[in-house]
Structure formats: structure tokens, C-alpha cells
Amino acid sequence: MKQVERPSPNCDSRGGVPIDMLLLHYTGMHDGEAALARLCDPTAKVSAHYMLDEDGTIYALVPEQTRAWHAGVSFWAGARDINARSIGIELVNPGHEFDYRHFPDPQIAALISLAQAILARHAIPAWRVLGHSDVAPMRKTDPGELFPWERLARAGIGLWPGMAADPGEGAVAALLAYFGYDPDALPNKNIIAFQRHFRPSRADGMADAETRRLLAGLVALYDARKGDAR
């Protein structure tokens, strides 16, 4: 991995909160240089711990023990200050607003190596490796339906569910909230966020049978893994 130190001033103390989440983003800007400039601009008041360019170059922006400013208004499993408890990684990609595209292999290979190292350093459970849209479904779409979550899960980074018995449409909101999604978000926004992560072939906010069966499979996997240290 090629790593470049590019310190950002946009950080502060975690306030003693333990690191238990890895949060992935896309930059949503035209190119990596523009994104890097913004992440290091003190007037922008945004940052991440790392930014990964499309060629696999890793930019180290904020020390892991420090709180970076990447999640914004967010929620997961009862917590609202996601910045305090997470490590944030930005992947260079224009995003849905510009020219959203697949993430190149060198970028994902670098991400897998970096994420595996982060998970070795911190007690981050697999079910708390998430995307920005998972913790901010009302505002965010990143890293989006083109992000290869299944490939990461095969590398030991995050969860990837199989199918389970259909729990029925009436159980969807409760199961999403049980896994960690914001119960105060609009139901269709939570469903879209879930689909972008776990059913990327369809991100329409409709809880069809396949979506419901995948959600049930995810919750079953979550319940089975809760006793794990990772």
C-alpha cells in the first residue's frame, strides 16, 4: 500500500468514547485533488481518517485516536455522535450527483488491506462496518449500490447475509431498528439504505419478498455473531 501523510486540521478529541465502528464514504466530488483539498480545508469543517484515491493511494489525514468530522447528523443503534466512535474512510468517486461509477480494483484492494489493519487494531464488530447512508439514510447515499460490500465481507470486513424465511412486511421496520437503523427515519429511506448495502440490485425503498428475506438473514447473522469479539 502506498500511504501519503496529508494531515487535516479538522479533528478534535473523542472524549474517551471507544472506537467500535468503521464508516465508509465516497467523496462525491469531481476528482481526488478537489476532495483532498476540501478534507484539509479548515473552513470546510469536514475530514476523515483516510482518503483512498482510485489508483489505491492512501492519504492519512487524521490520526485514528482522534475524532474526524465525517458522519455529520447521524444515528446508529442508539448513538448519535457517530464521529466520536468511528473511523471514517473516504473513497474517491464522483458519486450520484456527478458521474457515479464502479470503484476500481486497486482502490478496493487498498481498502481491504487498510480495513483489515484497522480491524486488527480496534474492537470493531463485523456488524458495525457500515456506509454513510446506513447511519444517515435521510441525507446520504454513499458509498452506494455500486460499492462491493460482498467482496469486503468475503475478506472479513463486515457482514453479508443469506436468505432466511420471509418475516412479513409488518416486521420490516422493527427488524431494521433492531439491527441499528434510525427508527425515526422515514421507513422507505431506511429500506433504501439497507438495499444499497445488502441488496444493491434494487434500491427502490420497497420491501419486497427478497428484501425481507435478506433482512431476516442479516438479523439472524447478527444474532449469531453478537458474542464474537469482532
Protein backbone atom coordinates (compact mmCIF):
# COMPACT_ATOMS: atom_id res chain seq x y z
CA MET A 1 0.00 0.00 0.00
CA LYS A 2 1.26 3.46 -0.87
CA GLN A 3 0.43 5.79 2.00
CA VAL A 4 0.90 9.56 1.97
CA GLU A 5 0.70 11.71 5.09
CA ARG A 6 -1.60 14.68 4.47
CA PRO A 7 -2.67 15.98 7.90
CA SER A 8 -6.04 17.67 8.18
CA PRO A 9 -6.69 20.25 10.91
CA ASN A 10 -10.34 19.21 11.06
CA CYS A 11 -10.43 16.97 14.12
CA ASP A 12 -10.86 17.01 17.87
CA SER A 13 -10.98 14.72 20.90
CA ARG A 14 -13.08 11.56 21.02
CA GLY A 15 -13.87 12.40 24.64
CA GLY A 16 -12.98 8.94 25.86
CA VAL A 17 -15.51 7.17 23.61
CA PRO A 18 -14.14 3.81 22.41
CA ILE A 19 -13.74 3.12 18.70
CA ASP A 20 -16.31 0.49 17.69
CA MET A 21 -17.35 1.42 14.14
CA LEU A 22 -15.82 1.67 10.67
CA LEU A 23 -17.72 4.02 8.37
CA LEU A 24 -17.20 4.11 4.60
CA HIS A 25 -17.99 7.02 2.26
CA TYR A 26 -17.47 8.23 -1.25
CA THR A 27 -16.12 11.74 -1.75
CA GLY A 28 -18.89 12.88 -4.12
CA MET A 29 -16.62 15.38 -5.86
CA HIS A 30 -15.23 15.65 -9.38
CA ASP A 31 -11.76 14.29 -8.54
CA GLY A 32 -9.45 13.28 -5.76
CA GLU A 33 -7.50 16.53 -5.61
CA ALA A 34 -10.67 18.54 -5.04
CA ALA A 35 -11.78 16.11 -2.35
CA LEU A 36 -8.39 16.15 -0.64
CA ALA A 37 -8.32 19.94 -0.64
CA ARG A 38 -11.77 20.06 0.97
CA LEU A 39 -10.94 17.45 3.60
CA CYS A 40 -7.89 19.51 4.61
CA ASP A 41 -9.55 22.95 4.43
CA PRO A 42 -10.18 24.35 7.94
CA THR A 43 -13.10 26.41 6.67
CA ALA A 44 -14.87 23.31 5.32
CA LYS A 45 -15.02 21.66 8.76
CA VAL A 46 -15.06 18.16 7.29
CA SER A 47 -12.47 15.39 7.35
CA ALA A 48 -11.93 11.65 7.53
CA HIS A 49 -9.17 9.50 8.90
CA TYR A 50 -8.21 8.29 5.43
CA MET A 51 -8.94 9.03 1.79
CA LEU A 52 -8.31 6.38 -0.86
CA ASP A 53 -7.68 7.51 -4.42
CA GLU A 54 -8.77 5.44 -7.39
CA ASP A 55 -5.20 4.23 -8.01
CA GLY A 56 -5.03 2.81 -4.48
CA THR A 57 -3.02 5.63 -2.89
CA ILE A 58 -3.98 6.06 0.76
CA TYR A 59 -3.93 9.55 2.23
CA ALA A 60 -3.65 9.60 6.02
CA LEU A 61 -5.50 12.70 7.19
CA VAL A 62 -6.42 12.34 10.86
CA PRO A 63 -4.85 10.05 13.50
CA GLU A 64 -7.13 7.16 14.42
CA GLN A 65 -7.18 8.09 18.09
CA THR A 66 -8.66 11.48 17.16
CA ARG A 67 -12.24 12.32 16.18
CA ALA A 68 -12.58 13.16 12.48
CA TRP A 69 -15.62 15.02 11.13
CA HIS A 70 -17.18 12.77 8.52
CA ALA A 71 -20.55 11.44 9.70
CA GLY A 72 -22.48 14.65 10.38
CA VAL A 73 -26.03 14.28 11.69
CA SER A 74 -26.30 10.53 12.07
CA PHE A 75 -27.61 7.65 14.18
CA TRP A 76 -26.80 4.02 14.77
CA ALA A 77 -28.10 1.64 17.44
CA GLY A 78 -28.97 4.44 19.86
CA ALA A 79 -25.82 6.54 19.32
CA ARG A 80 -25.90 9.94 17.64
CA ASP A 81 -22.27 11.10 17.84
CA ILE A 82 -21.02 8.62 15.27
CA ASN A 83 -17.85 10.64 14.73
CA ALA A 84 -16.77 10.02 18.32
CA ARG A 85 -16.85 6.24 17.94
CA SER A 86 -15.91 5.62 14.32
CA ILE A 87 -13.02 5.58 11.90
CA GLY A 88 -14.01 7.20 8.61
CA ILE A 89 -12.65 6.29 5.18
CA GLU A 90 -13.45 8.33 2.07
CA LEU A 91 -13.15 6.66 -1.33
CA VAL A 92 -12.63 8.93 -4.31
CA ASN A 93 -15.73 8.59 -6.50
CA PRO A 94 -17.83 11.36 -8.09
CA GLY A 95 -20.96 9.91 -6.55
CA HIS A 96 -24.59 10.06 -7.60
CA GLU A 97 -24.55 13.82 -8.13
CA PHE A 98 -21.89 13.71 -10.83
CA ASP A 99 -20.69 10.56 -12.62
CA TYR A 100 -21.19 7.68 -10.18
CA ARG A 101 -19.15 4.71 -11.27
CA HIS A 102 -17.74 1.40 -10.10
CA PHE A 103 -14.85 1.51 -7.65
CA PRO A 104 -11.58 0.39 -9.34
CA ASP A 105 -9.84 -2.79 -8.23
CA PRO A 106 -6.67 -1.01 -6.97
CA GLN A 107 -8.82 1.22 -4.77
CA ILE A 108 -10.78 -1.70 -3.31
CA ALA A 109 -7.64 -3.78 -2.82
CA ALA A 110 -6.09 -0.90 -0.86
CA LEU A 111 -9.30 -0.51 1.14
CA ILE A 112 -9.34 -4.19 2.07
CA SER A 113 -5.73 -4.04 3.29
CA LEU A 114 -6.34 -0.84 5.24
CA ALA A 115 -9.63 -2.02 6.74
CA GLN A 116 -8.13 -5.35 7.80
CA ALA A 117 -5.35 -3.47 9.59
CA ILE A 118 -7.87 -1.16 11.28
CA LEU A 119 -9.98 -4.11 12.44
CA ALA A 120 -6.85 -5.75 13.85
CA ARG A 121 -6.16 -2.62 15.92
CA HIS A 122 -9.67 -1.92 17.20
CA ALA A 123 -12.58 -3.93 18.61
CA ILE A 124 -14.96 -3.20 15.74
CA PRO A 125 -17.60 -5.92 15.27
CA ALA A 126 -18.46 -7.01 11.74
CA TRP A 127 -21.99 -5.63 12.05
CA ARG A 128 -20.61 -2.16 12.72
CA VAL A 129 -18.78 -1.86 9.38
CA LEU A 130 -21.25 0.46 7.69
CA GLY A 131 -21.82 3.00 4.97
CA HIS A 132 -22.66 6.66 5.42
CA SER A 133 -26.16 6.02 4.08
CA ASP A 134 -26.74 3.41 6.80
CA VAL A 135 -26.22 5.98 9.58
CA ALA A 136 -27.75 8.95 7.73
CA PRO A 137 -30.48 7.47 5.48
CA MET A 138 -32.41 10.73 5.26
CA ARG A 139 -29.42 12.64 3.87
CA LYS A 140 -26.83 10.36 2.30
CA THR A 141 -26.50 7.78 -0.48
CA ASP A 142 -22.83 6.83 -0.15
CA PRO A 143 -20.95 4.68 -0.80
CA GLY A 144 -23.94 3.50 -2.84
CA GLU A 145 -25.19 0.47 -4.68
CA LEU A 146 -22.01 0.06 -6.78
CA PHE A 147 -19.84 -0.43 -3.72
CA PRO A 148 -18.66 -4.08 -3.40
CA TRP A 149 -19.85 -4.88 0.13
CA GLU A 150 -19.97 -8.61 -0.60
CA ARG A 151 -16.30 -8.62 -1.65
CA LEU A 152 -15.35 -6.90 1.60
CA ALA A 153 -17.36 -9.38 3.65
CA ARG A 154 -15.53 -12.26 1.96
CA ALA A 155 -12.31 -10.58 3.15
CA GLY A 156 -13.59 -10.50 6.73
CA ILE A 157 -14.81 -6.89 6.63
CA GLY A 158 -18.48 -6.55 7.51
CA LEU A 159 -21.43 -8.90 7.14
CA TRP A 160 -23.14 -10.34 4.07
CA PRO A 161 -26.47 -12.08 4.65
CA GLY A 162 -28.05 -15.13 3.11
CA MET A 163 -31.76 -15.62 2.69
CA ALA A 164 -34.00 -16.53 5.62
CA ALA A 165 -37.72 -17.15 5.98
CA ASP A 166 -39.87 -14.18 4.98
CA PRO A 167 -40.76 -12.31 8.20
CA GLY A 168 -43.63 -10.45 6.53
CA GLU A 169 -43.98 -6.81 5.61
CA GLY A 170 -45.15 -5.83 9.09
CA ALA A 171 -41.84 -6.87 10.65
CA VAL A 172 -39.56 -4.80 8.42
CA ALA A 173 -39.41 -1.56 10.45
CA ALA A 174 -38.77 -3.39 13.71
CA LEU A 175 -36.03 -5.57 12.20
CA LEU A 176 -34.28 -2.56 10.67
CA ALA A 177 -34.38 -0.77 14.02
CA TYR A 178 -33.16 -3.89 15.82
CA PHE A 179 -30.12 -4.06 13.57
CA GLY A 180 -29.36 -0.37 14.21
CA TYR A 181 -31.15 1.83 11.67
CA ASP A 182 -32.76 5.03 12.91
CA PRO A 183 -36.37 4.31 13.95
CA ASP A 184 -37.21 7.99 13.45
CA ALA A 185 -36.17 7.99 9.79
CA LEU A 186 -38.80 7.57 7.09
CA PRO A 187 -39.36 3.82 6.58
CA ASN A 188 -38.64 3.91 2.85
CA LYS A 189 -35.34 5.75 3.47
CA ASN A 190 -34.19 3.01 5.84
CA ILE A 191 -35.20 0.37 3.31
CA ILE A 192 -33.27 2.13 0.53
CA ALA A 193 -30.19 2.37 2.76
CA PHE A 194 -30.49 -1.33 3.61
CA GLN A 195 -30.89 -2.21 -0.06
CA ARG A 196 -27.92 -0.10 -1.14
CA HIS A 197 -25.79 -2.06 1.30
CA PHE A 198 -27.24 -5.56 1.23
CA ARG A 199 -29.38 -5.78 -1.92
CA PRO A 200 -27.71 -3.44 -4.43
CA SER A 201 -29.62 -4.75 -7.44
CA ARG A 202 -32.73 -2.96 -6.20
CA ALA A 203 -32.67 0.26 -4.16
CA ASP A 204 -36.23 1.50 -4.52
CA GLY A 205 -37.45 1.58 -0.91
CA MET A 206 -39.98 -1.19 -1.50
CA ALA A 207 -39.85 -4.07 0.99
CA ASP A 208 -40.45 -6.88 -1.49
CA ALA A 209 -40.06 -10.54 -0.51
CA GLU A 210 -36.36 -10.74 -1.40
CA THR A 211 -35.57 -7.63 0.61
CA ARG A 212 -37.49 -9.01 3.58
CA ARG A 213 -35.76 -12.39 3.38
CA LEU A 214 -32.32 -10.73 3.20
CA LEU A 215 -33.18 -8.52 6.16
CA ALA A 216 -34.23 -11.58 8.16
CA GLY A 217 -31.00 -13.29 7.12
CA LEU A 218 -28.96 -10.29 8.23
CA VAL A 219 -30.64 -10.17 11.63
CA ALA A 220 -30.10 -13.92 12.09
CA LEU A 221 -26.40 -13.48 11.20
CA TYR A 222 -26.16 -10.53 13.56
CA ASP A 223 -27.71 -12.55 16.41
CA ALA A 224 -25.34 -15.43 15.73
CA ARG A 225 -22.26 -13.19 15.72
CA LYS A 226 -23.06 -10.89 18.67
CA GLY A 227 -20.90 -12.91 21.01
CA ASP A 228 -17.88 -12.50 18.77
CA ALA A 229 -15.10 -10.09 19.67
CA ARG A 230 -15.10 -8.96 16.02
